[in-house]
Amino acid sequence: MSGAEQVVRIRALNLLADDPALRTFVHGVFDGTPPRANIPYVSVGAAEGNDWGTKDRAGREVRLTVMIFGAGEGPVGDAAARIEAVLAGLRGAAGGWSIVSVRPVRTRFSHARDGGWRHELVVRFRCLAGL
């Protein structure tokens, strides 16, 4: 994992975990899938990066996967909207990188056999090296 992926993932995890509005919808925000957790909860998953830059600055495009796990009707729409709003706040300087754009690129909703569900969001961050 390069520096940009690490910076985006850690910053996203911290912002989501510290957001009081998101905490009204879910029981917790976890780094990866927790061994045990009460649903609904949020899991910050993989951060994948690709080269992305300009003629004069190096950059990375980072795609971060964030999942909401729940059961029944649950707060999926409200929680997903709040996650997107919080992640939009990542723009700016962070750990030697400048996050210049944040955009949700994919969402997927699926049901599990046990009656639970998973809502997956993939958000693209474009980062330039230096501040």
N, C-alpha and C. Protein backbone atom coordinates (compact mmCIF):
# COMPACT_ATOMS: atom_id res chain seq x y z
N MET A 1 0.85 -1.17 0.00
CA MET A 1 0.00 0.00 0.00
C MET A 1 0.90 1.23 0.00
N SER A 2 0.68 2.12 -0.95
CA SER A 2 1.50 3.33 -1.00
C SER A 2 1.00 4.32 0.03
N GLY A 3 1.68 5.42 0.15
CA GLY A 3 1.34 6.43 1.13
C GLY A 3 -0.06 7.00 0.96
N ALA A 4 -0.48 7.23 -0.26
CA ALA A 4 -1.81 7.82 -0.49
C ALA A 4 -2.91 6.89 -0.04
N GLU A 5 -2.80 5.60 -0.33
CA GLU A 5 -3.82 4.64 0.09
C GLU A 5 -3.92 4.60 1.61
N GLN A 6 -2.77 4.59 2.25
CA GLN A 6 -2.73 4.54 3.70
C GLN A 6 -3.34 5.80 4.31
N VAL A 7 -2.98 6.96 3.78
CA VAL A 7 -3.50 8.23 4.28
C VAL A 7 -5.01 8.30 4.13
N VAL A 8 -5.52 7.96 2.95
CA VAL A 8 -6.96 8.02 2.71
C VAL A 8 -7.70 7.05 3.62
N ARG A 9 -7.21 5.85 3.73
CA ARG A 9 -7.90 4.83 4.54
C ARG A 9 -7.95 5.21 6.01
N ILE A 10 -6.82 5.63 6.56
CA ILE A 10 -6.77 5.98 7.98
C ILE A 10 -7.60 7.23 8.26
N ARG A 11 -7.50 8.21 7.39
CA ARG A 11 -8.28 9.44 7.58
C ARG A 11 -9.78 9.16 7.47
N ALA A 12 -10.19 8.33 6.51
CA ALA A 12 -11.61 7.98 6.37
C ALA A 12 -12.10 7.23 7.60
N LEU A 13 -11.33 6.27 8.07
CA LEU A 13 -11.70 5.50 9.26
C LEU A 13 -11.89 6.42 10.46
N ASN A 14 -10.97 7.34 10.68
CA ASN A 14 -11.06 8.26 11.81
C ASN A 14 -12.25 9.19 11.70
N LEU A 15 -12.48 9.76 10.52
CA LEU A 15 -13.62 10.68 10.35
C LEU A 15 -14.95 9.96 10.52
N LEU A 16 -15.07 8.77 9.96
CA LEU A 16 -16.33 8.02 10.10
C LEU A 16 -16.57 7.62 11.56
N ALA A 17 -15.54 7.17 12.24
CA ALA A 17 -15.69 6.74 13.63
C ALA A 17 -16.03 7.91 14.55
N ASP A 18 -15.57 9.10 14.22
CA ASP A 18 -15.81 10.27 15.06
C ASP A 18 -17.07 11.05 14.72
N ASP A 19 -17.82 10.61 13.72
CA ASP A 19 -19.00 11.37 13.29
C ASP A 19 -20.21 11.04 14.16
N PRO A 20 -20.72 12.02 14.93
CA PRO A 20 -21.85 11.74 15.81
C PRO A 20 -23.14 11.42 15.06
N ALA A 21 -23.35 12.00 13.90
CA ALA A 21 -24.57 11.72 13.13
C ALA A 21 -24.57 10.28 12.62
N LEU A 22 -23.43 9.78 12.18
CA LEU A 22 -23.35 8.39 11.71
C LEU A 22 -23.58 7.42 12.86
N ARG A 23 -23.08 7.78 14.05
CA ARG A 23 -23.26 6.90 15.21
C ARG A 23 -24.73 6.73 15.60
N THR A 24 -25.61 7.63 15.16
CA THR A 24 -27.04 7.44 15.44
C THR A 24 -27.63 6.34 14.57
N PHE A 25 -26.97 5.98 13.48
CA PHE A 25 -27.48 4.96 12.56
C PHE A 25 -26.84 3.59 12.76
N VAL A 26 -25.59 3.55 13.24
CA VAL A 26 -24.86 2.29 13.36
C VAL A 26 -24.23 2.14 14.75
N HIS A 27 -23.90 0.91 15.11
CA HIS A 27 -23.30 0.64 16.41
C HIS A 27 -21.81 0.89 16.45
N GLY A 28 -21.16 0.90 15.29
CA GLY A 28 -19.73 1.13 15.29
C GLY A 28 -19.16 1.20 13.89
N VAL A 29 -17.94 1.72 13.81
CA VAL A 29 -17.18 1.78 12.57
C VAL A 29 -15.89 1.01 12.83
N PHE A 30 -15.60 0.02 11.97
CA PHE A 30 -14.49 -0.89 12.22
C PHE A 30 -13.49 -0.89 11.07
N ASP A 31 -12.24 -1.16 11.42
CA ASP A 31 -11.17 -1.33 10.45
C ASP A 31 -11.24 -2.77 9.98
N GLY A 32 -11.84 -2.99 8.82
CA GLY A 32 -12.05 -4.34 8.32
C GLY A 32 -13.30 -4.94 8.96
N THR A 33 -13.49 -6.24 8.77
CA THR A 33 -14.66 -6.91 9.33
C THR A 33 -14.33 -7.38 10.74
N PRO A 34 -15.10 -6.93 11.72
CA PRO A 34 -14.81 -7.32 13.11
C PRO A 34 -15.19 -8.78 13.35
N PRO A 35 -14.52 -9.43 14.30
CA PRO A 35 -14.87 -10.83 14.60
C PRO A 35 -16.29 -10.95 15.17
N ARG A 36 -16.70 -9.95 15.96
CA ARG A 36 -18.06 -9.92 16.50
C ARG A 36 -18.48 -8.47 16.59
N ALA A 37 -19.68 -8.17 16.12
CA ALA A 37 -20.21 -6.82 16.23
C ALA A 37 -21.72 -6.89 16.11
N ASN A 38 -22.39 -5.98 16.78
CA ASN A 38 -23.84 -5.88 16.65
C ASN A 38 -24.17 -5.10 15.39
N ILE A 39 -25.12 -5.60 14.62
CA ILE A 39 -25.53 -4.90 13.42
C ILE A 39 -26.59 -3.86 13.78
N PRO A 40 -26.68 -2.79 13.06
CA PRO A 40 -25.88 -2.41 11.89
C PRO A 40 -24.52 -1.83 12.29
N TYR A 41 -23.54 -2.05 11.42
CA TYR A 41 -22.21 -1.48 11.64
C TYR A 41 -21.57 -1.17 10.30
N VAL A 42 -20.49 -0.39 10.34
CA VAL A 42 -19.75 0.01 9.15
C VAL A 42 -18.37 -0.63 9.20
N SER A 43 -17.94 -1.14 8.06
CA SER A 43 -16.61 -1.71 7.93
C SER A 43 -15.86 -0.97 6.83
N VAL A 44 -14.69 -0.43 7.16
CA VAL A 44 -13.84 0.22 6.16
C VAL A 44 -12.93 -0.87 5.61
N GLY A 45 -13.08 -1.15 4.33
CA GLY A 45 -12.38 -2.26 3.70
C GLY A 45 -11.14 -1.84 2.94
N ALA A 46 -10.97 -2.43 1.79
CA ALA A 46 -9.75 -2.27 0.99
C ALA A 46 -9.60 -0.87 0.40
N ALA A 47 -8.35 -0.46 0.25
CA ALA A 47 -8.00 0.77 -0.46
C ALA A 47 -7.08 0.36 -1.60
N GLU A 48 -7.54 0.55 -2.82
CA GLU A 48 -6.75 0.20 -4.01
C GLU A 48 -6.29 1.47 -4.69
N GLY A 49 -5.05 1.48 -5.17
CA GLY A 49 -4.51 2.68 -5.80
C GLY A 49 -3.95 2.43 -7.18
N ASN A 50 -4.02 3.49 -7.97
CA ASN A 50 -3.44 3.50 -9.31
C ASN A 50 -2.69 4.81 -9.49
N ASP A 51 -1.76 4.81 -10.44
CA ASP A 51 -1.04 6.03 -10.76
C ASP A 51 -2.01 7.05 -11.34
N TRP A 52 -1.91 8.28 -10.86
CA TRP A 52 -2.74 9.38 -11.37
C TRP A 52 -2.02 10.66 -11.01
N GLY A 53 -1.77 11.49 -11.97
CA GLY A 53 -1.08 12.73 -11.68
C GLY A 53 -1.19 13.70 -12.83
N THR A 54 -0.39 14.75 -12.76
CA THR A 54 -0.37 15.77 -13.80
C THR A 54 1.03 15.79 -14.39
N LYS A 55 1.27 16.69 -15.33
CA LYS A 55 2.59 16.77 -15.95
C LYS A 55 3.68 17.14 -14.95
N ASP A 56 3.31 17.93 -13.95
CA ASP A 56 4.33 18.41 -13.03
C ASP A 56 4.20 17.88 -11.59
N ARG A 57 3.20 17.04 -11.31
CA ARG A 57 3.03 16.49 -9.95
C ARG A 57 2.61 15.04 -10.01
N ALA A 58 3.25 14.25 -9.17
CA ALA A 58 2.88 12.83 -9.05
C ALA A 58 1.55 12.74 -8.30
N GLY A 59 0.81 11.69 -8.59
CA GLY A 59 -0.47 11.53 -7.90
C GLY A 59 -0.92 10.09 -7.88
N ARG A 60 -1.96 9.83 -7.09
CA ARG A 60 -2.56 8.50 -6.97
C ARG A 60 -4.07 8.64 -6.99
N GLU A 61 -4.72 7.68 -7.64
CA GLU A 61 -6.16 7.55 -7.55
C GLU A 61 -6.42 6.38 -6.60
N VAL A 62 -7.15 6.64 -5.53
CA VAL A 62 -7.42 5.64 -4.50
C VAL A 62 -8.90 5.33 -4.51
N ARG A 63 -9.24 4.04 -4.55
CA ARG A 63 -10.63 3.60 -4.44
C ARG A 63 -10.78 2.88 -3.10
N LEU A 64 -11.64 3.44 -2.26
CA LEU A 64 -11.86 2.92 -0.92
C LEU A 64 -13.23 2.25 -0.85
N THR A 65 -13.27 1.05 -0.29
CA THR A 65 -14.52 0.32 -0.12
C THR A 65 -15.00 0.46 1.32
N VAL A 66 -16.24 0.92 1.47
CA VAL A 66 -16.87 1.06 2.78
C VAL A 66 -18.18 0.27 2.73
N MET A 67 -18.40 -0.59 3.74
CA MET A 67 -19.60 -1.44 3.74
C MET A 67 -20.43 -1.20 5.00
N ILE A 68 -21.74 -1.23 4.81
CA ILE A 68 -22.68 -1.16 5.93
C ILE A 68 -23.34 -2.53 6.00
N PHE A 69 -23.31 -3.15 7.18
CA PHE A 69 -23.95 -4.45 7.39
C PHE A 69 -25.15 -4.25 8.30
N GLY A 70 -26.27 -4.90 7.96
CA GLY A 70 -27.46 -4.77 8.79
C GLY A 70 -28.42 -5.90 8.57
N ALA A 71 -29.60 -5.77 9.16
CA ALA A 71 -30.67 -6.76 9.03
C ALA A 71 -32.00 -6.01 9.07
N GLY A 72 -33.02 -6.63 8.51
CA GLY A 72 -34.33 -5.99 8.48
C GLY A 72 -34.32 -4.77 7.60
N GLU A 73 -35.17 -3.81 7.93
CA GLU A 73 -35.22 -2.61 7.09
C GLU A 73 -34.06 -1.68 7.38
N GLY A 74 -33.68 -1.52 8.62
CA GLY A 74 -32.47 -0.79 9.00
C GLY A 74 -32.30 0.58 8.37
N PRO A 75 -31.24 1.29 8.75
CA PRO A 75 -30.99 2.66 8.31
C PRO A 75 -30.10 2.77 7.08
N VAL A 76 -30.20 1.84 6.15
CA VAL A 76 -29.23 1.78 5.06
C VAL A 76 -29.15 3.08 4.25
N GLY A 77 -30.26 3.65 3.87
CA GLY A 77 -30.23 4.86 3.05
C GLY A 77 -29.64 6.05 3.79
N ASP A 78 -30.07 6.24 5.04
CA ASP A 78 -29.56 7.35 5.84
C ASP A 78 -28.08 7.18 6.15
N ALA A 79 -27.68 5.98 6.50
CA ALA A 79 -26.28 5.73 6.83
C ALA A 79 -25.40 5.91 5.60
N ALA A 80 -25.83 5.42 4.45
CA ALA A 80 -25.04 5.56 3.22
C ALA A 80 -24.89 7.03 2.84
N ALA A 81 -25.96 7.80 2.96
CA ALA A 81 -25.89 9.23 2.65
C ALA A 81 -24.94 9.94 3.60
N ARG A 82 -24.97 9.56 4.87
CA ARG A 82 -24.08 10.19 5.84
C ARG A 82 -22.63 9.83 5.57
N ILE A 83 -22.37 8.59 5.20
CA ILE A 83 -21.00 8.17 4.87
C ILE A 83 -20.47 8.98 3.69
N GLU A 84 -21.28 9.15 2.65
CA GLU A 84 -20.85 9.93 1.49
C GLU A 84 -20.55 11.37 1.90
N ALA A 85 -21.38 11.95 2.76
CA ALA A 85 -21.16 13.33 3.21
C ALA A 85 -19.87 13.44 4.01
N VAL A 86 -19.63 12.50 4.90
CA VAL A 86 -18.41 12.53 5.72
C VAL A 86 -17.17 12.37 4.83
N LEU A 87 -17.21 11.42 3.90
CA LEU A 87 -16.04 11.20 3.04
C LEU A 87 -15.76 12.38 2.13
N ALA A 88 -16.78 13.14 1.75
CA ALA A 88 -16.56 14.34 0.94
C ALA A 88 -15.70 15.35 1.70
N GLY A 89 -15.73 15.28 3.04
CA GLY A 89 -14.93 16.16 3.87
C GLY A 89 -13.46 15.81 3.91
N LEU A 90 -13.04 14.77 3.23
CA LEU A 90 -11.62 14.41 3.21
C LEU A 90 -10.80 15.28 2.29
N ARG A 91 -11.42 16.11 1.47
CA ARG A 91 -10.66 16.98 0.57
C ARG A 91 -9.71 17.85 1.39
N GLY A 92 -8.51 18.05 0.84
CA GLY A 92 -7.54 18.92 1.50
C GLY A 92 -6.24 18.20 1.77
N ALA A 93 -5.39 18.84 2.52
CA ALA A 93 -4.06 18.32 2.81
C ALA A 93 -4.14 17.20 3.85
N ALA A 94 -3.36 16.14 3.60
CA ALA A 94 -3.33 15.01 4.54
C ALA A 94 -2.06 14.21 4.34
N GLY A 95 -1.22 14.17 5.35
CA GLY A 95 -0.05 13.30 5.35
C GLY A 95 0.86 13.42 4.14
N GLY A 96 1.14 14.62 3.69
CA GLY A 96 2.02 14.81 2.54
C GLY A 96 1.32 14.70 1.19
N TRP A 97 0.01 14.51 1.22
CA TRP A 97 -0.79 14.43 0.00
C TRP A 97 -1.86 15.52 0.02
N SER A 98 -2.32 15.89 -1.14
CA SER A 98 -3.44 16.80 -1.26
C SER A 98 -4.57 16.04 -1.94
N ILE A 99 -5.66 15.81 -1.22
CA ILE A 99 -6.81 15.11 -1.78
C ILE A 99 -7.63 16.15 -2.53
N VAL A 100 -7.66 16.03 -3.87
CA VAL A 100 -8.27 17.07 -4.69
C VAL A 100 -9.69 16.75 -5.15
N SER A 101 -10.08 15.48 -5.11
CA SER A 101 -11.47 15.16 -5.47
C SER A 101 -11.91 13.89 -4.76
N VAL A 102 -13.20 13.86 -4.45
CA VAL A 102 -13.83 12.71 -3.80
C VAL A 102 -15.13 12.46 -4.54
N ARG A 103 -15.32 11.21 -4.99
CA ARG A 103 -16.53 10.91 -5.77
C ARG A 103 -16.94 9.45 -5.58
N PRO A 104 -18.19 9.22 -5.16
CA PRO A 104 -18.67 7.83 -5.12
C PRO A 104 -18.76 7.31 -6.56
N VAL A 105 -18.20 6.12 -6.80
CA VAL A 105 -18.22 5.58 -8.16
C VAL A 105 -19.08 4.33 -8.30
N ARG A 106 -19.41 3.68 -7.15
CA ARG A 106 -20.22 2.48 -7.26
C ARG A 106 -20.88 2.21 -5.92
N THR A 107 -22.12 1.74 -5.98
CA THR A 107 -22.80 1.24 -4.79
C THR A 107 -23.42 -0.10 -5.15
N ARG A 108 -23.47 -0.97 -4.17
CA ARG A 108 -24.06 -2.29 -4.40
C ARG A 108 -24.78 -2.71 -3.13
N PHE A 109 -25.99 -3.20 -3.30
CA PHE A 109 -26.78 -3.68 -2.17
C PHE A 109 -27.06 -5.15 -2.40
N SER A 110 -26.85 -5.98 -1.36
CA SER A 110 -27.12 -7.41 -1.51
C SER A 110 -27.70 -7.97 -0.22
N HIS A 111 -28.48 -9.03 -0.38
CA HIS A 111 -29.09 -9.72 0.76
C HIS A 111 -28.30 -10.98 1.07
N ALA A 112 -28.27 -11.32 2.35
CA ALA A 112 -27.63 -12.56 2.80
C ALA A 112 -28.70 -13.61 3.07
N ARG A 113 -28.31 -14.85 3.15
CA ARG A 113 -29.26 -15.94 3.39
C ARG A 113 -29.93 -15.84 4.76
N ASP A 114 -29.22 -15.29 5.72
CA ASP A 114 -29.75 -15.23 7.09
C ASP A 114 -30.69 -14.04 7.32
N GLY A 115 -31.06 -13.32 6.28
CA GLY A 115 -31.96 -12.18 6.42
C GLY A 115 -31.23 -10.86 6.55
N GLY A 116 -29.92 -10.91 6.62
CA GLY A 116 -29.14 -9.68 6.71
C GLY A 116 -28.92 -9.07 5.33
N TRP A 117 -28.27 -7.94 5.31
CA TRP A 117 -27.95 -7.27 4.05
C TRP A 117 -26.59 -6.57 4.17
N ARG A 118 -26.06 -6.22 3.02
CA ARG A 118 -24.80 -5.49 2.95
C ARG A 118 -24.93 -4.43 1.87
N HIS A 119 -24.56 -3.21 2.23
CA HIS A 119 -24.54 -2.10 1.27
C HIS A 119 -23.08 -1.68 1.13
N GLU A 120 -22.56 -1.79 -0.08
CA GLU A 120 -21.14 -1.51 -0.34
C GLU A 120 -21.02 -0.23 -1.15
N LEU A 121 -20.16 0.67 -0.69
CA LEU A 121 -19.87 1.90 -1.41
C LEU A 121 -18.40 1.90 -1.80
N VAL A 122 -18.11 2.26 -3.02
CA VAL A 122 -16.73 2.44 -3.46
C VAL A 122 -16.59 3.92 -3.81
N VAL A 123 -15.64 4.57 -3.14
CA VAL A 123 -15.44 6.00 -3.31
C VAL A 123 -14.05 6.24 -3.88
N ARG A 124 -13.99 7.10 -4.91
CA ARG A 124 -12.71 7.40 -5.57
C ARG A 124 -12.15 8.72 -5.02
N PHE A 125 -10.89 8.67 -4.64
CA PHE A 125 -10.17 9.86 -4.17
C PHE A 125 -9.02 10.09 -5.11
N ARG A 126 -8.88 11.30 -5.60
CA ARG A 126 -7.71 11.64 -6.43
C ARG A 126 -6.80 12.52 -5.59
N CYS A 127 -5.54 12.08 -5.51
CA CYS A 127 -4.57 12.69 -4.61
C CYS A 127 -3.34 13.13 -5.39
N LEU A 128 -2.81 14.31 -5.03
CA LEU A 128 -1.57 14.79 -5.61
C LEU A 128 -0.51 14.83 -4.52
N ALA A 129 0.72 14.45 -4.89
CA ALA A 129 1.82 14.45 -3.92
C ALA A 129 2.17 15.88 -3.54
N GLY A 130 2.56 16.06 -2.30
CA GLY A 130 2.91 17.39 -1.82
C GLY A 130 1.67 18.19 -1.47
N LEU A 131 1.90 19.31 -0.85
CA LEU A 131 0.76 20.12 -0.40
C LEU A 131 0.58 21.30 -1.24
